[in-house]
Amino acid sequence: MTEILTKADIRKLSLEKLKEVFVQHGEQAFRAKQLYEWLWKKSATSFEEMTNLSVKTRAFLEEKFVINAVQLSSKQISNDRTIKSGFRLFDKNLVEGVLIPTEGRMTACVSSQVGCSLTCKFCATGYMDRKRNLDAAEIYDQVVLIKKQAEEHYQIPLSNIVYMGMGEPLLNYANVVDSIKYITSPEGLGMSPKRITVSTAGIAKMIKKLADEDLGVNLALSLHAANDVKRDSIMPINETNTLEALKEALIYWYEKTGIRVTFEYILLYNVNDTLQDARELYEFWKAVKSKINIIEFNPISEADYKNTDADTLAKFSNFLEQKGVIVNVRRSRGKDIDAACGQLAIKDVQQ
């Protein structure tokens, strides 16, 4: 019978658990804090790097544990300087992440799942199966690798993080919350939670739960229609998380956190771009403290939607602005390399 030896993933252990490991091994407990700092503050991917630990201790860690670091598998640079990366996980699965450089900010767009269990009709990821959730360290690693790209390619530090890549963050709740803690903690990367946005297709009960966490992060709702019939047709999640349920959850979010939510709204030609759609959006907006990002549709091979025309876009946004709504018309970044909103799917291109 062949003995199968499996090493434990050390980044799944809390600081308290690491202290227990060190004490049981005859080491002083403070060594655990040194190790923890290497893992989450210095983003070490090997025990060899941990030079303030003895050779003997590092050998013990190497024998018993593994760091399942995410590897950069592919990289494409857009004409507009956007960088899309393919990230290979320890089990050979792939996810994609994006560095979005704009004036005044460098934003990392990270994935939270391999594929997605939701089936939003305008999103390439929605046509993939969900293979598994990413763990907190795998989300953290994406941030570290994209941060490095910002510094190496543009000599500008990473300023913002959006959980808007592959997958639905609130269906991988615990790992997403833990990753935010590693990213924002003084013992981790120390980034401001005000610079982090979690985007959801709308899981009402989890929006309330996230509000209770008091993490200080921003929330974006992929709305795309303020009419249940229309939203059901393009976002089936709406059938179990209706606009009324979402409205209640978002009001709770604002009352609990004091942070205005952002509505993301893709204008699809002849689908959700009429003045009646704008009126319905305004009525929904009145109940919820929010601003609205209007996003252009980015073509995907799986769907035959079209982006709305410039005249319709102007009428739609002008109607809302005249009602006092804060509207930002967002232009797509990285469309030429399938890195724009809704285009992420696994197409592993070698560097």
Protein backbone atom coordinates (compact mmCIF):
# COMPACT_ATOMS: atom_id res chain seq x y z
CA MET A 1 0.00 0.00 0.00
CA THR A 2 1.41 3.38 -1.04
CA GLU A 3 1.52 5.95 1.74
CA ILE A 4 0.22 9.33 0.60
CA LEU A 5 1.81 12.19 2.48
CA THR A 6 -0.07 15.48 2.42
CA LYS A 7 1.29 18.67 3.90
CA ALA A 8 -1.07 21.10 5.60
CA ASP A 9 -1.62 24.52 4.04
CA ILE A 10 0.00 26.79 6.62
CA ARG A 11 -1.98 29.86 5.58
CA LYS A 12 -5.17 28.19 6.77
CA LEU A 13 -3.90 28.35 10.36
CA SER A 14 -4.68 31.29 12.65
CA LEU A 15 -1.97 33.02 14.64
CA GLU A 16 -3.16 31.22 17.79
CA LYS A 17 -2.96 27.85 16.05
CA LEU A 18 0.54 28.67 14.76
CA LYS A 19 1.62 29.45 18.33
CA GLU A 20 0.41 25.99 19.38
CA VAL A 21 2.39 24.41 16.54
CA PHE A 22 5.58 26.19 17.57
CA VAL A 23 5.21 25.41 21.28
CA GLN A 24 4.55 21.72 20.51
CA HIS A 25 7.72 21.74 18.44
CA GLY A 26 9.72 23.14 21.36
CA GLU A 27 9.93 26.68 19.96
CA GLN A 28 8.96 29.92 21.67
CA ALA A 29 5.48 31.22 20.84
CA PHE A 30 6.76 34.56 19.52
CA ARG A 31 8.23 32.70 16.53
CA ALA A 32 4.66 32.20 15.32
CA LYS A 33 4.22 35.96 15.07
CA GLN A 34 7.40 36.20 12.99
CA LEU A 35 6.07 33.51 10.68
CA TYR A 36 2.66 35.21 10.48
CA GLU A 37 4.36 38.46 9.48
CA TRP A 38 6.25 36.69 6.72
CA LEU A 39 3.03 35.19 5.38
CA TRP A 40 0.68 38.20 5.51
CA LYS A 41 2.80 41.35 5.76
CA LYS A 42 5.77 40.37 3.60
CA SER A 43 3.79 37.98 1.37
CA ALA A 44 6.43 35.24 1.48
CA THR A 45 5.83 32.31 -0.85
CA SER A 46 8.53 30.00 0.59
CA PHE A 47 9.90 29.14 4.02
CA GLU A 48 13.40 29.73 2.69
CA GLU A 49 12.74 33.48 2.65
CA MET A 50 12.07 33.57 6.40
CA THR A 51 15.63 34.39 7.40
CA ASN A 52 14.90 35.35 11.03
CA LEU A 53 13.78 31.76 11.65
CA SER A 54 16.51 29.19 12.25
CA VAL A 55 17.51 26.71 9.55
CA LYS A 56 16.17 23.92 11.76
CA THR A 57 12.79 25.66 12.15
CA ARG A 58 12.52 26.31 8.43
CA ALA A 59 13.31 22.65 7.74
CA PHE A 60 10.53 21.62 10.14
CA LEU A 61 8.06 23.94 8.44
CA GLU A 62 9.10 22.66 5.02
CA GLU A 63 8.56 19.07 6.16
CA LYS A 64 5.11 19.62 7.68
CA PHE A 65 3.55 22.49 5.75
CA VAL A 66 3.12 24.04 2.33
CA ILE A 67 2.43 27.57 1.06
CA ASN A 68 -0.01 27.14 -1.83
CA ALA A 69 1.02 30.36 -3.54
CA VAL A 70 -0.82 31.54 -6.65
CA GLN A 71 1.38 31.65 -9.76
CA LEU A 72 1.22 34.14 -12.62
CA SER A 73 0.41 31.97 -15.65
CA SER A 74 -0.24 34.54 -18.38
CA LYS A 75 -0.24 38.28 -18.92
CA GLN A 76 -1.72 40.52 -21.59
CA ILE A 77 -1.31 44.30 -21.80
CA SER A 78 -4.06 46.34 -23.44
CA ASN A 79 -3.63 49.36 -25.67
CA ASP A 80 -5.00 51.42 -22.78
CA ARG A 81 -2.39 49.96 -20.35
CA THR A 82 -4.83 47.61 -18.62
CA ILE A 83 -3.12 44.33 -17.67
CA LYS A 84 -5.06 41.05 -17.57
CA SER A 85 -3.42 38.14 -15.77
CA GLY A 86 -4.17 34.45 -15.70
CA PHE A 87 -3.47 33.07 -12.24
CA ARG A 88 -2.78 29.38 -11.75
CA LEU A 89 -3.87 27.88 -8.45
CA PHE A 90 -2.16 25.00 -6.64
CA ASP A 91 -4.69 22.50 -8.06
CA LYS A 92 -4.08 23.73 -11.65
CA ASN A 93 -7.36 25.67 -11.81
CA LEU A 94 -7.18 29.13 -13.37
CA VAL A 95 -8.74 32.49 -12.56
CA GLU A 96 -8.23 35.93 -14.04
CA GLY A 97 -7.45 39.28 -12.45
CA VAL A 98 -6.99 42.75 -13.91
CA LEU A 99 -4.88 45.82 -13.17
CA ILE A 100 -6.83 48.91 -14.25
CA PRO A 101 -4.72 52.09 -14.46
CA THR A 102 -6.74 55.31 -14.59
CA GLU A 103 -5.91 58.89 -13.78
CA GLY A 104 -5.28 59.14 -10.06
CA ARG A 105 -5.66 55.45 -9.21
CA MET A 106 -4.39 51.93 -9.77
CA THR A 107 -7.13 49.36 -9.26
CA ALA A 108 -6.86 45.59 -8.82
CA CYS A 109 -9.91 43.64 -9.96
CA VAL A 110 -9.79 40.22 -8.29
CA SER A 111 -11.73 36.97 -8.61
CA SER A 112 -13.41 35.13 -5.74
CA GLN A 113 -14.47 31.86 -7.42
CA VAL A 114 -13.25 29.54 -10.17
CA GLY A 115 -16.13 30.14 -12.58
CA CYS A 116 -19.52 31.21 -11.24
CA SER A 117 -22.75 29.56 -10.14
CA LEU A 118 -24.85 32.52 -11.25
CA THR A 119 -25.93 32.77 -14.88
CA CYS A 120 -26.10 36.46 -15.69
CA LYS A 121 -26.76 36.56 -19.43
CA PHE A 122 -24.38 39.41 -20.28
CA CYS A 123 -21.33 38.04 -18.43
CA ALA A 124 -18.84 35.54 -19.89
CA THR A 125 -18.05 34.07 -16.46
CA GLY A 126 -21.76 33.31 -16.02
CA TYR A 127 -21.52 30.78 -18.87
CA MET A 128 -18.83 28.81 -16.99
CA ASP A 129 -19.44 26.20 -14.31
CA ARG A 130 -18.40 27.09 -10.79
CA LYS A 131 -15.62 24.67 -9.94
CA ARG A 132 -14.85 25.89 -6.45
CA ASN A 133 -14.45 28.87 -4.13
CA LEU A 134 -11.09 30.54 -3.77
CA ASP A 135 -9.67 30.53 -0.28
CA ALA A 136 -8.69 33.77 1.44
CA ALA A 137 -4.99 33.36 0.64
CA GLU A 138 -5.70 32.89 -3.08
CA ILE A 139 -7.65 36.16 -3.17
CA TYR A 140 -4.89 37.87 -1.17
CA ASP A 141 -2.25 36.53 -3.60
CA GLN A 142 -4.03 38.11 -6.57
CA VAL A 143 -3.80 41.49 -4.84
CA VAL A 144 -0.09 40.98 -4.10
CA LEU A 145 0.72 39.99 -7.70
CA ILE A 146 -1.32 42.83 -9.23
CA LYS A 147 0.23 45.28 -6.76
CA LYS A 148 3.65 44.16 -7.99
CA GLN A 149 2.56 44.75 -11.61
CA ALA A 150 1.45 48.31 -10.79
CA GLU A 151 4.84 49.06 -9.26
CA GLU A 152 6.92 47.33 -11.95
CA HIS A 153 5.02 48.54 -15.04
CA TYR A 154 3.88 51.99 -13.95
CA GLN A 155 5.93 52.83 -10.84
CA ILE A 156 2.67 53.70 -9.07
CA PRO A 157 1.42 51.90 -5.94
CA LEU A 158 -1.86 50.01 -5.96
CA SER A 159 -4.59 52.29 -4.63
CA ASN A 160 -7.88 50.39 -4.95
CA ILE A 161 -9.26 46.85 -4.97
CA VAL A 162 -12.56 45.71 -6.45
CA TYR A 163 -14.05 42.24 -5.95
CA MET A 164 -15.50 42.34 -9.45
CA GLY A 165 -13.64 39.52 -11.18
CA MET A 166 -14.84 35.96 -11.68
CA GLY A 167 -17.49 34.65 -9.30
CA GLU A 168 -20.00 36.05 -6.81
CA PRO A 169 -18.12 37.26 -3.70
CA LEU A 170 -21.08 36.90 -1.35
CA LEU A 171 -21.41 33.21 -2.26
CA ASN A 172 -17.85 32.76 -1.00
CA TYR A 173 -18.57 34.86 2.04
CA ALA A 174 -16.16 33.61 4.73
CA ASN A 175 -13.12 33.55 2.46
CA VAL A 176 -13.88 36.99 1.02
CA VAL A 177 -14.24 38.48 4.51
CA ASP A 178 -11.02 36.81 5.69
CA SER A 179 -9.15 38.05 2.61
CA ILE A 180 -10.30 41.61 3.32
CA LYS A 181 -8.97 41.29 6.86
CA TYR A 182 -5.56 40.08 5.62
CA ILE A 183 -5.43 42.92 3.10
CA THR A 184 -6.49 45.69 5.51
CA SER A 185 -4.98 44.52 8.80
CA PRO A 186 -1.84 46.28 10.14
CA GLU A 187 -0.45 42.72 10.44
CA GLY A 188 -1.22 42.23 6.74
CA LEU A 189 -0.96 44.60 3.77
CA GLY A 190 -2.38 47.52 5.74
CA MET A 191 -4.55 48.89 2.92
CA SER A 192 -7.50 51.13 3.74
CA PRO A 193 -10.91 49.39 3.64
CA LYS A 194 -12.28 52.62 2.13
CA ARG A 195 -10.33 51.68 -1.01
CA ILE A 196 -12.01 48.26 -1.32
CA THR A 197 -15.32 47.58 -3.07
CA VAL A 198 -17.21 44.29 -2.89
CA SER A 199 -19.52 43.83 -5.88
CA THR A 200 -22.54 41.55 -5.74
CA ALA A 201 -25.24 40.42 -8.14
CA GLY A 202 -27.57 40.77 -5.16
CA ILE A 203 -27.70 38.21 -2.34
CA ALA A 204 -29.98 40.04 0.09
CA LYS A 205 -29.28 38.14 3.32
CA MET A 206 -25.52 38.24 2.73
CA ILE A 207 -25.59 42.01 2.13
CA LYS A 208 -27.07 42.33 5.63
CA LYS A 209 -24.45 39.97 7.03
CA LEU A 210 -21.65 41.97 5.42
CA ALA A 211 -23.09 45.15 6.93
CA ASP A 212 -22.90 43.50 10.37
CA GLU A 213 -19.18 42.72 9.87
CA ASP A 214 -18.40 46.46 10.02
CA LEU A 215 -15.39 46.06 7.73
CA GLY A 216 -15.57 49.61 6.38
CA VAL A 217 -15.55 48.48 2.73
CA ASN A 218 -17.74 49.79 -0.08
CA LEU A 219 -20.57 47.85 -1.68
CA ALA A 220 -21.59 47.79 -5.35
CA LEU A 221 -24.78 46.16 -6.62
CA SER A 222 -24.95 44.87 -10.18
CA LEU A 223 -28.47 46.09 -10.77
CA HIS A 224 -28.94 46.38 -14.57
CA ALA A 225 -32.74 46.63 -14.35
CA ALA A 226 -35.10 48.08 -11.75
CA ASN A 227 -38.00 45.96 -12.94
CA ASP A 228 -38.36 42.40 -11.63
CA VAL A 229 -39.51 40.91 -14.95
CA LYS A 230 -36.59 42.40 -16.88
CA ARG A 231 -34.07 41.64 -14.16
CA ASP A 232 -35.28 38.03 -13.94
CA SER A 233 -34.62 37.63 -17.68
CA ILE A 234 -31.01 38.83 -17.60
CA MET A 235 -30.08 37.94 -13.99
CA PRO A 236 -31.85 34.76 -12.79
CA ILE A 237 -30.61 35.40 -9.22
CA ASN A 238 -33.37 38.02 -9.08
CA GLU A 239 -35.99 35.26 -8.95
CA THR A 240 -34.91 34.42 -5.39
CA ASN A 241 -33.56 37.88 -4.46
CA THR A 242 -36.22 40.27 -5.72
CA LEU A 243 -35.80 44.01 -5.99
CA GLU A 244 -37.96 44.46 -2.90
CA ALA A 245 -35.71 42.12 -0.88
CA LEU A 246 -32.62 43.90 -2.20
CA LYS A 247 -34.09 47.30 -1.37
CA GLU A 248 -34.65 46.21 2.24
CA ALA A 249 -31.10 44.80 2.47
CA LEU A 250 -29.54 47.95 0.99
CA ILE A 251 -31.45 50.23 3.34
CA TYR A 252 -30.17 48.05 6.19
CA TRP A 253 -26.64 48.32 4.75
CA TYR A 254 -26.75 52.12 4.75
CA GLU A 255 -28.32 52.41 8.20
CA LYS A 256 -25.71 50.03 9.63
CA THR A 257 -22.58 51.32 7.85
CA GLY A 258 -23.35 54.87 6.70
CA ILE A 259 -21.69 53.95 3.38
CA ARG A 260 -23.57 54.73 0.17
CA VAL A 261 -23.96 51.79 -2.17
CA THR A 262 -23.07 52.07 -5.88
CA PHE A 263 -25.45 50.71 -8.51
CA GLU A 264 -23.75 49.24 -11.57
CA TYR A 265 -26.02 49.45 -14.62
CA ILE A 266 -25.04 48.06 -18.04
CA LEU A 267 -27.08 49.67 -20.83
CA LEU A 268 -28.14 46.93 -23.25
CA TYR A 269 -29.60 48.08 -26.56
CA ASN A 270 -33.39 47.62 -26.64
CA VAL A 271 -33.32 45.70 -23.36
CA ASN A 272 -32.99 48.10 -20.41
CA ASP A 273 -32.16 51.47 -21.99
CA THR A 274 -35.50 53.25 -22.40
CA LEU A 275 -36.70 56.32 -20.49
CA GLN A 276 -39.18 54.02 -18.73
CA ASP A 277 -36.20 51.96 -17.52
CA ALA A 278 -34.60 55.20 -16.33
CA ARG A 279 -37.79 56.13 -14.44
CA GLU A 280 -37.87 52.73 -12.73
CA LEU A 281 -34.21 53.10 -11.82
CA TYR A 282 -34.92 56.53 -10.35
CA GLU A 283 -37.78 55.14 -8.25
CA PHE A 284 -35.51 52.40 -6.90
CA TRP A 285 -32.74 54.94 -6.26
CA LYS A 286 -35.06 57.14 -4.18
CA ALA A 287 -35.33 54.43 -1.53
CA VAL A 288 -31.61 53.69 -1.28
CA LYS A 289 -28.72 56.09 -0.66
CA SER A 290 -26.61 55.48 -3.75
CA LYS A 291 -24.76 56.67 -6.81
CA ILE A 292 -25.06 55.07 -10.24
CA ASN A 293 -22.32 53.88 -12.56
CA ILE A 294 -23.56 53.43 -16.12
CA ILE A 295 -21.36 50.89 -17.88
CA GLU A 296 -21.13 50.07 -21.55
CA PHE A 297 -21.80 46.49 -22.58
CA ASN A 298 -18.66 44.62 -23.57
CA PRO A 299 -19.25 42.01 -26.28
CA ILE A 300 -18.95 38.32 -25.42
CA SER A 301 -19.25 35.39 -27.83
CA GLU A 302 -21.89 33.68 -25.69
CA ALA A 303 -24.53 36.44 -26.01
CA ASP A 304 -25.83 38.64 -28.82
CA TYR A 305 -26.60 41.76 -26.80
CA LYS A 306 -25.45 45.11 -28.16
CA ASN A 307 -24.24 48.25 -26.43
CA THR A 308 -26.76 51.07 -26.48
CA ASP A 309 -26.14 54.01 -28.82
CA ALA A 310 -24.69 57.36 -27.72
CA ASP A 311 -27.97 59.27 -28.08
CA THR A 312 -29.93 56.80 -25.92
CA LEU A 313 -27.12 56.79 -23.32
CA ALA A 314 -27.22 60.60 -23.16
CA LYS A 315 -31.00 60.68 -22.72
CA PHE A 316 -30.88 57.98 -20.04
CA SER A 317 -28.14 59.63 -17.98
CA ASN A 318 -29.55 63.17 -18.45
CA PHE A 319 -32.95 62.05 -17.14
CA LEU A 320 -31.34 60.74 -13.96
CA GLU A 321 -29.06 63.75 -13.48
CA GLN A 322 -32.01 66.14 -13.82
CA LYS A 323 -33.60 64.22 -10.93
CA GLY A 324 -30.53 64.87 -8.77
CA VAL A 325 -28.93 61.43 -9.16
CA ILE A 326 -25.12 61.22 -9.15
CA VAL A 327 -24.33 59.42 -12.41
CA ASN A 328 -20.91 58.31 -13.66
CA VAL A 329 -20.65 57.02 -17.22
CA ARG A 330 -17.80 54.51 -17.09
CA ARG A 331 -15.82 53.70 -20.20
CA SER A 332 -14.56 50.17 -20.58
CA ARG A 333 -10.90 49.37 -20.03
CA GLY A 334 -9.02 46.46 -21.59
CA LYS A 335 -11.74 45.52 -24.07
CA ASP A 336 -9.17 44.55 -26.72
CA ILE A 337 -7.79 41.79 -24.45
CA ASP A 338 -11.18 40.63 -23.07
CA ALA A 339 -10.36 42.24 -19.72
CA ALA A 340 -13.35 44.57 -19.52
CA CYS A 341 -16.37 44.19 -17.23
CA GLY A 342 -18.23 40.97 -18.03
CA GLN A 343 -15.53 39.55 -20.30
CA LEU A 344 -13.48 37.46 -17.89
CA ALA A 345 -13.32 33.79 -18.81
CA ILE A 346 -10.47 31.33 -18.92
CA LYS A 347 -8.35 31.81 -22.02
CA ASP A 348 -4.88 31.07 -20.79
CA VAL A 349 -2.44 32.94 -23.02
CA GLN A 350 1.24 32.30 -22.44
CA GLN A 351 3.45 35.29 -21.72
